[in-house]
């Protein structure tokens, strides 16, 4: 039986009178790529922001490694967040910093202190892991969209998280680069034994990375299952994604 790393039960979230999440229940298991699929506005990105408490839920429960996110204090929340890597849709690199400086920044936030030599070794290794060793002294403005995604992932991996949250990792990329990023998600899971939630509406990405799929529609879980179960479903809404 695989360990449950994220346990979400009956989570609701509204903005004013607009209900976004209407009672979401799902689990992320150890060493799993869980795809959360749905059209724009279905609540996908709101959900992962709730997982790291960037957004406060209105009701329900979110447990990360058995700790209730909404009830822990700020110090414990920081410790939980150290276990979670969040790859934002636009990579969210600091424009005024080189790649080296972008990758150094998260290391300075850890309790453990590293020498300059150790920091350089960690940066060089993680850049090798994402196949961009020569980008170390480039500025974000010198990088393509796909390269920015890779550096964003490198910045996430450099602190050795157990859980990765990907928010639309292939959005805005050409088909070849999208495939490269999807393959990199799989390589990351295999190499670092991470567990991931991948938010996307890119079916090609889904078919490459998904161990399991949860489809959201109108703020609820519409279907949960394997890729083959989705591909063979006769429901017209599901078929509109997979045809």
C-alpha atoms as a PDB file:
ATOM      1  CA  UNK A   1       0.000   0.000   0.000  1.00  0.00           C
ATOM      2  CA  UNK A   2       1.527   3.314  -1.072  1.00  0.00           C
ATOM      3  CA  UNK A   3       1.806   6.133   1.459  1.00  0.00           C
ATOM      4  CA  UNK A   4      -0.571   9.087   1.043  1.00  0.00           C
ATOM      5  CA  UNK A   5       1.502  12.290   0.839  1.00  0.00           C
ATOM      6  CA  UNK A   6      -1.320  14.770   0.177  1.00  0.00           C
ATOM      7  CA  UNK A   7      -4.832  14.056   1.423  1.00  0.00           C
ATOM      8  CA  UNK A   8      -7.551  16.501   0.321  1.00  0.00           C
ATOM      9  CA  UNK A   9     -11.097  16.071   1.637  1.00  0.00           C
ATOM     10  CA  UNK A  10     -14.208  18.080   0.763  1.00  0.00           C
ATOM     11  CA  UNK A  11     -12.259  21.283   0.111  1.00  0.00           C
ATOM     12  CA  UNK A  12     -14.302  24.364  -0.742  1.00  0.00           C
ATOM     13  CA  UNK A  13     -13.040  27.766  -1.863  1.00  0.00           C
ATOM     14  CA  UNK A  14     -14.979  30.811  -3.030  1.00  0.00           C
ATOM     15  CA  UNK A  15     -14.052  34.336  -4.049  1.00  0.00           C
ATOM     16  CA  UNK A  16     -16.959  36.495  -3.000  1.00  0.00           C
ATOM     17  CA  UNK A  17     -20.089  34.830  -4.391  1.00  0.00           C
ATOM     18  CA  UNK A  18     -18.145  32.820  -6.959  1.00  0.00           C
ATOM     19  CA  UNK A  19     -17.643  29.200  -5.890  1.00  0.00           C
ATOM     20  CA  UNK A  20     -14.435  27.805  -7.382  1.00  0.00           C
ATOM     21  CA  UNK A  21     -13.928  24.563  -5.443  1.00  0.00           C
ATOM     22  CA  UNK A  22     -17.170  22.901  -4.391  1.00  0.00           C
ATOM     23  CA  UNK A  23     -16.003  19.965  -2.303  1.00  0.00           C
ATOM     24  CA  UNK A  24     -12.830  18.496  -3.847  1.00  0.00           C
ATOM     25  CA  UNK A  25     -11.542  15.163  -2.554  1.00  0.00           C
ATOM     26  CA  UNK A  26      -8.339  13.547  -3.887  1.00  0.00           C
ATOM     27  CA  UNK A  27      -5.064  11.982  -2.780  1.00  0.00           C
ATOM     28  CA  UNK A  28      -1.478  12.088  -4.012  1.00  0.00           C
ATOM     29  CA  UNK A  29       0.372   8.833  -3.403  1.00  0.00           C
ATOM     30  CA  UNK A  30       4.086   8.251  -2.921  1.00  0.00           C
ATOM     31  CA  UNK A  31       6.148   8.173  -6.162  1.00  0.00           C
ATOM     32  CA  UNK A  32       3.156   9.068  -8.331  1.00  0.00           C
ATOM     33  CA  UNK A  33       2.481  11.541 -11.122  1.00  0.00           C
ATOM     34  CA  UNK A  34      -1.111  12.657 -10.545  1.00  0.00           C
ATOM     35  CA  UNK A  35      -2.552  14.781 -13.344  1.00  0.00           C
ATOM     36  CA  UNK A  36      -5.343  17.215 -12.475  1.00  0.00           C
ATOM     37  CA  UNK A  37      -7.115  17.844 -15.754  1.00  0.00           C
ATOM     38  CA  UNK A  38      -9.803  20.354 -16.625  1.00  0.00           C
ATOM     39  CA  UNK A  39     -10.756  23.351 -18.696  1.00  0.00           C
ATOM     40  CA  UNK A  40      -9.733  26.880 -17.731  1.00  0.00           C
ATOM     41  CA  UNK A  41     -11.754  28.042 -14.731  1.00  0.00           C
ATOM     42  CA  UNK A  42     -12.385  24.554 -13.372  1.00  0.00           C
ATOM     43  CA  UNK A  43     -10.354  25.285 -10.215  1.00  0.00           C
ATOM     44  CA  UNK A  44      -7.083  23.493 -11.018  1.00  0.00           C
ATOM     45  CA  UNK A  45      -4.634  26.297 -10.183  1.00  0.00           C
ATOM     46  CA  UNK A  46      -6.667  27.437  -7.173  1.00  0.00           C
ATOM     47  CA  UNK A  47      -6.404  23.898  -5.804  1.00  0.00           C
ATOM     48  CA  UNK A  48      -2.612  23.701  -5.826  1.00  0.00           C
ATOM     49  CA  UNK A  49      -2.328  27.184  -4.308  1.00  0.00           C
ATOM     50  CA  UNK A  50      -4.545  25.934  -1.489  1.00  0.00           C
ATOM     51  CA  UNK A  51      -2.232  22.935  -0.988  1.00  0.00           C
ATOM     52  CA  UNK A  52       0.678  25.225  -0.029  1.00  0.00           C
ATOM     53  CA  UNK A  53      -1.643  27.642   1.811  1.00  0.00           C
ATOM     54  CA  UNK A  54      -1.048  30.508  -0.611  1.00  0.00           C
ATOM     55  CA  UNK A  55      -4.855  30.581  -0.604  1.00  0.00           C
ATOM     56  CA  UNK A  56      -6.866  29.766   2.533  1.00  0.00           C
ATOM     57  CA  UNK A  57      -9.606  27.191   2.091  1.00  0.00           C
ATOM     58  CA  UNK A  58     -13.125  28.003   3.276  1.00  0.00           C
ATOM     59  CA  UNK A  59     -13.807  24.492   4.562  1.00  0.00           C
ATOM     60  CA  UNK A  60     -12.586  20.933   4.310  1.00  0.00           C
ATOM     61  CA  UNK A  61      -9.159  19.444   4.992  1.00  0.00           C
ATOM     62  CA  UNK A  62      -5.750  19.419   3.310  1.00  0.00           C
ATOM     63  CA  UNK A  63      -3.079  17.252   4.896  1.00  0.00           C
ATOM     64  CA  UNK A  64       0.506  17.213   3.630  1.00  0.00           C
ATOM     65  CA  UNK A  65       2.477  14.316   5.097  1.00  0.00           C
ATOM     66  CA  UNK A  66      -0.306  13.948   7.689  1.00  0.00           C
ATOM     67  CA  UNK A  67      -0.132  17.584   8.822  1.00  0.00           C
ATOM     68  CA  UNK A  68      -3.245  19.721   8.486  1.00  0.00           C
ATOM     69  CA  UNK A  69      -2.165  22.740   6.443  1.00  0.00           C
ATOM     70  CA  UNK A  70      -4.894  25.109   7.658  1.00  0.00           C
ATOM     71  CA  UNK A  71      -4.159  24.502  11.336  1.00  0.00           C
ATOM     72  CA  UNK A  72      -0.364  24.552  11.654  1.00  0.00           C
ATOM     73  CA  UNK A  73       1.570  27.632  12.746  1.00  0.00           C
ATOM     74  CA  UNK A  74       3.738  29.707  10.435  1.00  0.00           C
ATOM     75  CA  UNK A  75       6.981  28.018  11.521  1.00  0.00           C
ATOM     76  CA  UNK A  76       5.626  24.534  10.806  1.00  0.00           C
ATOM     77  CA  UNK A  77       4.086  25.745   7.531  1.00  0.00           C
ATOM     78  CA  UNK A  78       7.525  26.897   6.384  1.00  0.00           C
ATOM     79  CA  UNK A  79       8.888  23.404   7.171  1.00  0.00           C
ATOM     80  CA  UNK A  80       6.094  21.769   5.153  1.00  0.00           C
ATOM     81  CA  UNK A  81       6.702  24.119   2.231  1.00  0.00           C
ATOM     82  CA  UNK A  82      10.372  23.100   2.179  1.00  0.00           C
ATOM     83  CA  UNK A  83       9.210  19.604   1.187  1.00  0.00           C
ATOM     84  CA  UNK A  84       7.176  20.980  -1.732  1.00  0.00           C
ATOM     85  CA  UNK A  85       8.550  22.349  -4.984  1.00  0.00           C
ATOM     86  CA  UNK A  86       6.192  24.641  -6.897  1.00  0.00           C
ATOM     87  CA  UNK A  87       6.864  25.146 -10.608  1.00  0.00           C
ATOM     88  CA  UNK A  88       4.846  28.192 -11.590  1.00  0.00           C
ATOM     89  CA  UNK A  89       3.248  28.552 -15.005  1.00  0.00           C
ATOM     90  CA  UNK A  90       5.700  31.245 -16.109  1.00  0.00           C
ATOM     91  CA  UNK A  91       8.717  29.715 -14.278  1.00  0.00           C
ATOM     92  CA  UNK A  92       8.776  32.894 -12.083  1.00  0.00           C
ATOM     93  CA  UNK A  93      12.521  33.522 -12.379  1.00  0.00           C
ATOM     94  CA  UNK A  94      13.936  36.751 -10.972  1.00  0.00           C
ATOM     95  CA  UNK A  95      14.593  38.861 -14.081  1.00  0.00           C
ATOM     96  CA  UNK A  96      17.402  40.869 -12.485  1.00  0.00           C
ATOM     97  CA  UNK A  97      19.350  37.765 -11.414  1.00  0.00           C
ATOM     98  CA  UNK A  98      21.509  35.402 -13.463  1.00  0.00           C
ATOM     99  CA  UNK A  99      20.639  31.709 -13.529  1.00  0.00           C
ATOM    100  CA  UNK A 100      23.388  31.135 -10.942  1.00  0.00           C
ATOM    101  CA  UNK A 101      21.838  33.754  -8.649  1.00  0.00           C
ATOM    102  CA  UNK A 102      18.325  32.389  -9.185  1.00  0.00           C
ATOM    103  CA  UNK A 103      19.531  28.939  -8.116  1.00  0.00           C
ATOM    104  CA  UNK A 104      21.561  30.259  -5.184  1.00  0.00           C
ATOM    105  CA  UNK A 105      18.577  32.098  -3.708  1.00  0.00           C
ATOM    106  CA  UNK A 106      16.565  29.073  -2.423  1.00  0.00           C
ATOM    107  CA  UNK A 107      19.700  27.582  -0.842  1.00  0.00           C
ATOM    108  CA  UNK A 108      20.149  30.717   1.281  1.00  0.00           C
ATOM    109  CA  UNK A 109      16.629  30.179   2.699  1.00  0.00           C
ATOM    110  CA  UNK A 110      17.499  26.777   4.180  1.00  0.00           C
ATOM    111  CA  UNK A 111      18.593  26.238   7.783  1.00  0.00           C
ATOM    112  CA  UNK A 112      21.682  24.401   6.556  1.00  0.00           C
ATOM    113  CA  UNK A 113      24.473  26.726   5.468  1.00  0.00           C
ATOM    114  CA  UNK A 114      26.641  25.927   2.462  1.00  0.00           C
ATOM    115  CA  UNK A 115      30.059  27.162   1.428  1.00  0.00           C
ATOM    116  CA  UNK A 116      30.436  28.935  -1.904  1.00  0.00           C
ATOM    117  CA  UNK A 117      32.088  25.809  -3.301  1.00  0.00           C
ATOM    118  CA  UNK A 118      29.173  23.609  -2.162  1.00  0.00           C
ATOM    119  CA  UNK A 119      26.667  26.018  -3.684  1.00  0.00           C
ATOM    120  CA  UNK A 120      28.520  25.978  -7.010  1.00  0.00           C
ATOM    121  CA  UNK A 121      28.613  22.163  -6.993  1.00  0.00           C
ATOM    122  CA  UNK A 122      24.869  21.964  -6.300  1.00  0.00           C
ATOM    123  CA  UNK A 123      24.084  24.459  -9.060  1.00  0.00           C
ATOM    124  CA  UNK A 124      26.264  22.686 -11.609  1.00  0.00           C
ATOM    125  CA  UNK A 125      24.698  19.313 -10.732  1.00  0.00           C
ATOM    126  CA  UNK A 126      21.093  20.503 -10.973  1.00  0.00           C
ATOM    127  CA  UNK A 127      21.803  22.273 -14.273  1.00  0.00           C
ATOM    128  CA  UNK A 128      23.193  18.982 -15.585  1.00  0.00           C
ATOM    129  CA  UNK A 129      20.004  17.281 -14.376  1.00  0.00           C
ATOM    130  CA  UNK A 130      17.891  19.603 -16.555  1.00  0.00           C
ATOM    131  CA  UNK A 131      20.411  19.511 -19.450  1.00  0.00           C
ATOM    132  CA  UNK A 132      21.379  23.204 -19.283  1.00  0.00           C
ATOM    133  CA  UNK A 133      24.931  23.275 -17.869  1.00  0.00           C
ATOM    134  CA  UNK A 134      26.000  26.207 -20.075  1.00  0.00           C
ATOM    135  CA  UNK A 135      23.166  28.488 -18.921  1.00  0.00           C
ATOM    136  CA  UNK A 136      24.704  29.143 -15.511  1.00  0.00           C
ATOM    137  CA  UNK A 137      25.631  32.808 -16.112  1.00  0.00           C
ATOM    138  CA  UNK A 138      22.825  33.751 -18.496  1.00  0.00           C
ATOM    139  CA  UNK A 139      20.054  36.200 -17.652  1.00  0.00           C
ATOM    140  CA  UNK A 140      16.405  35.042 -17.902  1.00  0.00           C
ATOM    141  CA  UNK A 141      15.939  37.399 -20.864  1.00  0.00           C
ATOM    142  CA  UNK A 142      18.507  35.303 -22.789  1.00  0.00           C
ATOM    143  CA  UNK A 143      16.525  32.072 -22.288  1.00  0.00           C
ATOM    144  CA  UNK A 144      13.763  30.573 -24.425  1.00  0.00           C
ATOM    145  CA  UNK A 145      10.432  29.613 -22.851  1.00  0.00           C
ATOM    146  CA  UNK A 146      11.463  25.983 -22.572  1.00  0.00           C
ATOM    147  CA  UNK A 147      14.811  26.905 -21.012  1.00  0.00           C
ATOM    148  CA  UNK A 148      13.050  29.071 -18.426  1.00  0.00           C
ATOM    149  CA  UNK A 149      10.834  26.110 -17.497  1.00  0.00           C
ATOM    150  CA  UNK A 150      13.930  23.936 -17.072  1.00  0.00           C
ATOM    151  CA  UNK A 151      15.659  26.534 -14.888  1.00  0.00           C
ATOM    152  CA  UNK A 152      12.454  26.906 -12.870  1.00  0.00           C
ATOM    153  CA  UNK A 153      12.495  23.151 -12.308  1.00  0.00           C
ATOM    154  CA  UNK A 154      16.197  23.264 -11.428  1.00  0.00           C
ATOM    155  CA  UNK A 155      15.498  25.954  -8.816  1.00  0.00           C
ATOM    156  CA  UNK A 156      12.769  23.715  -7.392  1.00  0.00           C
ATOM    157  CA  UNK A 157      14.933  20.564  -7.349  1.00  0.00           C
ATOM    158  CA  UNK A 158      17.975  22.176  -5.765  1.00  0.00           C
ATOM    159  CA  UNK A 159      16.384  21.979  -2.295  1.00  0.00           C
ATOM    160  CA  UNK A 160      15.462  18.270  -2.695  1.00  0.00           C
ATOM    161  CA  UNK A 161      11.664  18.434  -2.294  1.00  0.00           C
ATOM    162  CA  UNK A 162       9.594  15.257  -1.819  1.00  0.00           C
ATOM    163  CA  UNK A 163       6.586  16.698  -3.652  1.00  0.00           C
ATOM    164  CA  UNK A 164       6.428  18.727  -6.869  1.00  0.00           C
ATOM    165  CA  UNK A 165       3.485  20.851  -8.001  1.00  0.00           C
ATOM    166  CA  UNK A 166       3.508  21.755 -11.709  1.00  0.00           C
ATOM    167  CA  UNK A 167       1.135  24.506 -12.836  1.00  0.00           C
ATOM    168  CA  UNK A 168       0.530  24.143 -16.602  1.00  0.00           C
ATOM    169  CA  UNK A 169       4.149  23.091 -17.335  1.00  0.00           C
ATOM    170  CA  UNK A 170       3.761  23.013 -21.142  1.00  0.00           C
ATOM    171  CA  UNK A 171       1.610  26.117 -21.658  1.00  0.00           C
ATOM    172  CA  UNK A 172       3.010  28.517 -24.275  1.00  0.00           C
ATOM    173  CA  UNK A 173       5.627  26.080 -25.550  1.00  0.00           C
ATOM    174  CA  UNK A 174       6.037  24.703 -29.062  1.00  0.00           C
ATOM    175  CA  UNK A 175       5.204  20.973 -29.513  1.00  0.00           C
ATOM    176  CA  UNK A 176       8.808  19.766 -29.456  1.00  0.00           C
ATOM    177  CA  UNK A 177       9.673  21.706 -26.303  1.00  0.00           C
ATOM    178  CA  UNK A 178       6.399  20.584 -24.693  1.00  0.00           C
ATOM    179  CA  UNK A 179       7.413  16.978 -25.283  1.00  0.00           C
ATOM    180  CA  UNK A 180      10.837  17.654 -23.769  1.00  0.00           C
ATOM    181  CA  UNK A 181       9.284  19.147 -20.615  1.00  0.00           C
ATOM    182  CA  UNK A 182       6.825  16.235 -20.314  1.00  0.00           C
ATOM    183  CA  UNK A 183       9.684  13.751 -20.601  1.00  0.00           C
ATOM    184  CA  UNK A 184      11.667  15.746 -18.041  1.00  0.00           C
ATOM    185  CA  UNK A 185       8.762  15.423 -15.578  1.00  0.00           C
ATOM    186  CA  UNK A 186       8.997  11.629 -15.903  1.00  0.00           C
ATOM    187  CA  UNK A 187      12.784  11.655 -15.635  1.00  0.00           C
ATOM    188  CA  UNK A 188      12.541  13.771 -12.483  1.00  0.00           C
ATOM    189  CA  UNK A 189      10.167  11.297 -10.829  1.00  0.00           C
ATOM    190  CA  UNK A 190      12.372   8.327 -11.741  1.00  0.00           C
ATOM    191  CA  UNK A 191      15.646   9.966 -10.717  1.00  0.00           C
ATOM    192  CA  UNK A 192      14.593  11.778  -7.551  1.00  0.00           C
ATOM    193  CA  UNK A 193      11.659   9.551  -6.472  1.00  0.00           C
ATOM    194  CA  UNK A 194       9.388  12.551  -6.213  1.00  0.00           C
ATOM    195  CA  UNK A 195       5.594  12.620  -6.122  1.00  0.00           C
ATOM    196  CA  UNK A 196       3.914  15.203  -8.320  1.00  0.00           C
ATOM    197  CA  UNK A 197       0.636  16.916  -9.048  1.00  0.00           C
ATOM    198  CA  UNK A 198       0.596  18.180 -12.626  1.00  0.00           C
ATOM    199  CA  UNK A 199      -2.055  20.770 -13.487  1.00  0.00           C
ATOM    200  CA  UNK A 200      -2.740  20.811 -17.213  1.00  0.00           C
ATOM    201  CA  UNK A 201      -5.234  20.786 -20.050  1.00  0.00           C
ATOM    202  CA  UNK A 202      -2.576  19.555 -22.529  1.00  0.00           C
ATOM    203  CA  UNK A 203      -3.688  16.031 -23.451  1.00  0.00           C
ATOM    204  CA  UNK A 204      -0.346  15.113 -25.025  1.00  0.00           C
ATOM    205  CA  UNK A 205       1.361  15.967 -21.714  1.00  0.00           C
ATOM    206  CA  UNK A 206      -1.291  13.946 -19.861  1.00  0.00           C
ATOM    207  CA  UNK A 207      -0.612  10.880 -22.005  1.00  0.00           C
ATOM    208  CA  UNK A 208       3.125  11.149 -21.350  1.00  0.00           C
ATOM    209  CA  UNK A 209       3.220  11.765 -17.606  1.00  0.00           C
ATOM    210  CA  UNK A 210       0.028  10.481 -15.954  1.00  0.00           C
ATOM    211  CA  UNK A 211       0.072   7.548 -13.545  1.00  0.00           C
ATOM    212  CA  UNK A 212      -3.442   8.578 -12.549  1.00  0.00           C
ATOM    213  CA  UNK A 213      -5.847  11.342 -13.613  1.00  0.00           C
ATOM    214  CA  UNK A 214      -8.396  13.433 -11.736  1.00  0.00           C
ATOM    215  CA  UNK A 215     -10.685  15.506 -13.950  1.00  0.00           C
ATOM    216  CA  UNK A 216     -12.277  18.637 -12.519  1.00  0.00           C
ATOM    217  CA  UNK A 217     -15.433  20.180 -13.901  1.00  0.00           C
ATOM    218  CA  UNK A 218     -17.262  23.137 -12.384  1.00  0.00           C
ATOM    219  CA  UNK A 219     -15.327  22.865  -9.118  1.00  0.00           C
ATOM    220  CA  UNK A 220     -15.906  19.162  -8.449  1.00  0.00           C
ATOM    221  CA  UNK A 221     -14.116  15.889  -9.250  1.00  0.00           C
ATOM    222  CA  UNK A 222     -15.907  14.713 -12.391  1.00  0.00           C
ATOM    223  CA  UNK A 223     -13.885  11.513 -12.861  1.00  0.00           C
ATOM    224  CA  UNK A 224     -10.836   9.769 -11.432  1.00  0.00           C
ATOM    225  CA  UNK A 225      -8.946   6.905 -13.038  1.00  0.00           C
ATOM    226  CA  UNK A 226      -6.118   5.695 -15.245  1.00  0.00           C
ATOM    227  CA  UNK A 227      -5.309   6.997 -18.722  1.00  0.00           C
ATOM    228  CA  UNK A 228      -6.870   3.916 -20.357  1.00  0.00           C
ATOM    229  CA  UNK A 229     -10.063   4.380 -18.338  1.00  0.00           C
ATOM    230  CA  UNK A 230     -10.338   7.958 -19.576  1.00  0.00           C
ATOM    231  CA  UNK A 231      -9.522   7.050 -23.164  1.00  0.00           C
ATOM    232  CA  UNK A 232     -12.200   4.343 -23.200  1.00  0.00           C
ATOM    233  CA  UNK A 233     -14.890   6.398 -21.443  1.00  0.00           C
ATOM    234  CA  UNK A 234     -17.981   7.086 -23.581  1.00  0.00           C
ATOM    235  CA  UNK A 235     -18.999  10.218 -21.635  1.00  0.00           C
ATOM    236  CA  UNK A 236     -19.281  13.095 -24.131  1.00  0.00           C
ATOM    237  CA  UNK A 237     -17.474  15.609 -21.903  1.00  0.00           C
ATOM    238  CA  UNK A 238     -14.513  13.285 -21.374  1.00  0.00           C
ATOM    239  CA  UNK A 239     -14.432  12.334 -25.055  1.00  0.00           C
ATOM    240  CA  UNK A 240     -14.152  16.041 -25.946  1.00  0.00           C
ATOM    241  CA  UNK A 241     -10.687  15.997 -24.294  1.00  0.00           C
ATOM    242  CA  UNK A 242      -9.398  12.660 -25.568  1.00  0.00           C
ATOM    243  CA  UNK A 243     -10.681  12.631 -29.181  1.00  0.00           C
END
